[in-house]
Structures are given as C-alpha cells and as structure tokens.
Amino acid sequence: MAGLHDRKLLVVITEAALEQSLAEEVLRLGAQGYTVADVRGSGLHGRRAGGFEGDRNIEMKVICSPEVAQRILDRLREAYLEHYSLSAFITDAQVMRPDKFK
C-alpha cells in the first residue's frame, strides 16, 4: 500500500506481575513504546479469569523493526520463558509514521 512502511508487531501475553519489568526491557532493547491491556483466556495452563491479582494476564504489543523484535524475543527466551507463563508471536505490520516505530 502506498505511504505505508513495513514493521513487525510483537505480541506478548504473560502474567501481569511482569508488566513493569517487561516494559523496562522492551524500551532498553530499542522499542520506542508499547501498549498493554489486561486480558483473560484459556490455554494449556488452564483458564485465567483475572479474578485475583495472581490470576491476571496482560497483553503487551510492540511495533518495531525486525531487529528490535528479535532482540526482545531473545531476551524473553533467556530471562522469562522457563519461569513464567508466557506466549509471544510476531506478525507483519505496516505503519503510516515510520519514525515512531524504529
């Protein structure tokens, strides 16, 4: 599409207790920002309904370059994946303002 620029959308779904540390990590690794939302669902680890603090999940979205997305995934794998309930995926995204998403 004309006027759009390729980036990656990285989505991380994990325990709410990790929000602050993940936010610091993604910025340190080169993302210019992120969006976080409270989410609920069910999967291999059972149902997460968000009824109490330890049962809450978040979804963090980061739009960035492929290189930054890979750095973040590498850090998730290294520091969090073995110890926390965490899912992550990357998909293609196109943005109108490339200077906001490096």
C-alpha atoms as a PDB file:
ATOM      1  CA  MET A   1       0.000   0.000   0.000  1.00  0.00           C
ATOM      2  CA  ALA A   2       1.235   3.426  -0.847  1.00  0.00           C
ATOM      3  CA  GLY A   3       2.548   5.519   2.004  1.00  0.00           C
ATOM      4  CA  LEU A   4       2.952   2.612   4.425  1.00  0.00           C
ATOM      5  CA  HIS A   5       6.186   1.265   5.894  1.00  0.00           C
ATOM      6  CA  ASP A   6       6.962  -2.303   6.961  1.00  0.00           C
ATOM      7  CA  ARG A   7       7.482  -3.098  10.633  1.00  0.00           C
ATOM      8  CA  LYS A   8       6.812  -6.047  12.956  1.00  0.00           C
ATOM      9  CA  LEU A   9       4.086  -6.365  15.571  1.00  0.00           C
ATOM     10  CA  LEU A  10       5.332  -8.311  18.584  1.00  0.00           C
ATOM     11  CA  VAL A  11       2.613  -9.517  20.955  1.00  0.00           C
ATOM     12  CA  VAL A  12       3.459 -10.923  24.386  1.00  0.00           C
ATOM     13  CA  ILE A  13       0.813 -12.488  26.622  1.00  0.00           C
ATOM     14  CA  THR A  14       2.037 -13.138  30.142  1.00  0.00           C
ATOM     15  CA  GLU A  15       1.468 -12.757  33.853  1.00  0.00           C
ATOM     16  CA  ALA A  16       0.528  -9.237  34.970  1.00  0.00           C
ATOM     17  CA  ALA A  17       3.293  -9.311  37.575  1.00  0.00           C
ATOM     18  CA  LEU A  18       5.827  -8.965  34.724  1.00  0.00           C
ATOM     19  CA  GLU A  19       4.396  -5.745  33.289  1.00  0.00           C
ATOM     20  CA  GLN A  20       6.893  -3.320  34.816  1.00  0.00           C
ATOM     21  CA  SER A  21       9.994  -5.404  34.116  1.00  0.00           C
ATOM     22  CA  LEU A  22       8.896  -6.173  30.536  1.00  0.00           C
ATOM     23  CA  ALA A  23       8.142  -2.509  29.898  1.00  0.00           C
ATOM     24  CA  GLU A  24      11.651  -1.575  31.005  1.00  0.00           C
ATOM     25  CA  GLU A  25      13.190  -4.392  28.946  1.00  0.00           C
ATOM     26  CA  VAL A  26      11.449  -3.542  25.650  1.00  0.00           C
ATOM     27  CA  LEU A  27      12.453   0.113  25.907  1.00  0.00           C
ATOM     28  CA  ARG A  28      16.034  -0.795  26.829  1.00  0.00           C
ATOM     29  CA  LEU A  29      16.191  -3.154  23.837  1.00  0.00           C
ATOM     30  CA  GLY A  30      15.217  -0.423  21.374  1.00  0.00           C
ATOM     31  CA  ALA A  31      11.431  -0.216  21.165  1.00  0.00           C
ATOM     32  CA  GLN A  32      10.083   3.322  21.185  1.00  0.00           C
ATOM     33  CA  GLY A  33       6.913   2.366  23.013  1.00  0.00           C
ATOM     34  CA  TYR A  34       4.363  -0.319  23.787  1.00  0.00           C
ATOM     35  CA  THR A  35       0.691  -0.827  24.610  1.00  0.00           C
ATOM     36  CA  VAL A  36      -0.541  -3.005  27.484  1.00  0.00           C
ATOM     37  CA  ALA A  37      -4.040  -4.381  28.119  1.00  0.00           C
ATOM     38  CA  ASP A  38      -5.494  -6.717  30.735  1.00  0.00           C
ATOM     39  CA  VAL A  39      -6.638  -9.962  29.106  1.00  0.00           C
ATOM     40  CA  ARG A  40      -8.367 -13.219  30.049  1.00  0.00           C
ATOM     41  CA  GLY A  41      -8.453 -16.587  28.370  1.00  0.00           C
ATOM     42  CA  SER A  42      -7.812 -20.291  28.463  1.00  0.00           C
ATOM     43  CA  GLY A  43      -4.961 -22.428  27.213  1.00  0.00           C
ATOM     44  CA  LEU A  44      -2.554 -25.195  28.159  1.00  0.00           C
ATOM     45  CA  HIS A  45      -2.079 -23.711  31.635  1.00  0.00           C
ATOM     46  CA  GLY A  46      -5.825 -23.610  32.260  1.00  0.00           C
ATOM     47  CA  ARG A  47      -8.261 -20.741  32.484  1.00  0.00           C
ATOM     48  CA  ARG A  48      -7.040 -17.277  33.515  1.00  0.00           C
ATOM     49  CA  ALA A  49     -10.128 -15.334  34.504  1.00  0.00           C
ATOM     50  CA  GLY A  50      -8.429 -12.428  36.257  1.00  0.00           C
ATOM     51  CA  GLY A  51     -10.454 -12.842  39.430  1.00  0.00           C
ATOM     52  CA  PHE A  52      -7.499 -12.061  41.709  1.00  0.00           C
ATOM     53  CA  GLU A  53      -4.072 -10.467  41.344  1.00  0.00           C
ATOM     54  CA  GLY A  54      -2.134 -13.703  40.827  1.00  0.00           C
ATOM     55  CA  ASP A  55      -4.579 -14.798  38.123  1.00  0.00           C
ATOM     56  CA  ARG A  56      -4.239 -11.709  35.896  1.00  0.00           C
ATOM     57  CA  ASN A  57      -2.655 -11.698  32.433  1.00  0.00           C
ATOM     58  CA  ILE A  58      -1.555  -8.842  30.230  1.00  0.00           C
ATOM     59  CA  GLU A  59      -1.043  -8.473  26.517  1.00  0.00           C
ATOM     60  CA  MET A  60       1.839  -6.215  25.513  1.00  0.00           C
ATOM     61  CA  LYS A  61       2.044  -5.020  21.909  1.00  0.00           C
ATOM     62  CA  VAL A  62       5.213  -3.565  20.434  1.00  0.00           C
ATOM     63  CA  ILE A  63       5.544  -2.261  16.870  1.00  0.00           C
ATOM     64  CA  CYS A  64       9.197  -2.117  15.884  1.00  0.00           C
ATOM     65  CA  SER A  65      11.860  -3.115  13.391  1.00  0.00           C
ATOM     66  CA  PRO A  66      12.589  -6.822  12.815  1.00  0.00           C
ATOM     67  CA  GLU A  67      15.924  -6.396  14.619  1.00  0.00           C
ATOM     68  CA  VAL A  68      14.351  -4.939  17.755  1.00  0.00           C
ATOM     69  CA  ALA A  69      11.627  -7.616  17.721  1.00  0.00           C
ATOM     70  CA  GLN A  70      14.294 -10.326  17.578  1.00  0.00           C
ATOM     71  CA  ARG A  71      16.251  -8.770  20.466  1.00  0.00           C
ATOM     72  CA  ILE A  72      13.095  -8.709  22.576  1.00  0.00           C
ATOM     73  CA  LEU A  73      12.233 -12.333  21.715  1.00  0.00           C
ATOM     74  CA  ASP A  74      15.784 -13.409  22.571  1.00  0.00           C
ATOM     75  CA  ARG A  75      15.522 -11.687  25.952  1.00  0.00           C
ATOM     76  CA  LEU A  76      12.110 -13.244  26.655  1.00  0.00           C
ATOM     77  CA  ARG A  77      13.544 -16.671  25.897  1.00  0.00           C
ATOM     78  CA  GLU A  78      16.642 -16.052  28.029  1.00  0.00           C
ATOM     79  CA  ALA A  79      15.068 -14.475  31.113  1.00  0.00           C
ATOM     80  CA  TYR A  80      11.362 -15.314  31.293  1.00  0.00           C
ATOM     81  CA  LEU A  81      10.163 -18.267  29.225  1.00  0.00           C
ATOM     82  CA  GLU A  82      11.327 -21.013  31.568  1.00  0.00           C
ATOM     83  CA  HIS A  83       9.982 -19.385  34.729  1.00  0.00           C
ATOM     84  CA  TYR A  84       6.694 -17.724  33.755  1.00  0.00           C
ATOM     85  CA  SER A  85       3.537 -18.387  31.804  1.00  0.00           C
ATOM     86  CA  LEU A  86       4.333 -16.532  28.582  1.00  0.00           C
ATOM     87  CA  SER A  87       3.355 -16.657  24.907  1.00  0.00           C
ATOM     88  CA  ALA A  88       4.729 -14.433  22.177  1.00  0.00           C
ATOM     89  CA  PHE A  89       4.266 -14.053  18.459  1.00  0.00           C
ATOM     90  CA  ILE A  90       5.358 -11.725  15.675  1.00  0.00           C
ATOM     91  CA  THR A  91       3.385 -10.673  12.641  1.00  0.00           C
ATOM     92  CA  ASP A  92       3.919  -8.193   9.844  1.00  0.00           C
ATOM     93  CA  ALA A  93       2.592  -4.669  10.293  1.00  0.00           C
ATOM     94  CA  GLN A  94       2.503  -1.585   8.106  1.00  0.00           C
ATOM     95  CA  VAL A  95       2.608   1.862   9.648  1.00  0.00           C
ATOM     96  CA  MET A  96       1.953   5.374   8.400  1.00  0.00           C
ATOM     97  CA  ARG A  97       4.558   7.069  10.608  1.00  0.00           C
ATOM     98  CA  PRO A  98       7.795   5.044  10.437  1.00  0.00           C
ATOM     99  CA  ASP A  99       9.693   7.476  12.668  1.00  0.00           C
ATOM    100  CA  LYS A 100       7.504   6.365  15.608  1.00  0.00           C
ATOM    101  CA  PHE A 101       8.398   2.673  15.224  1.00  0.00           C
ATOM    102  CA  LYS A 102      12.131   2.017  14.852  1.00  0.00           C
END
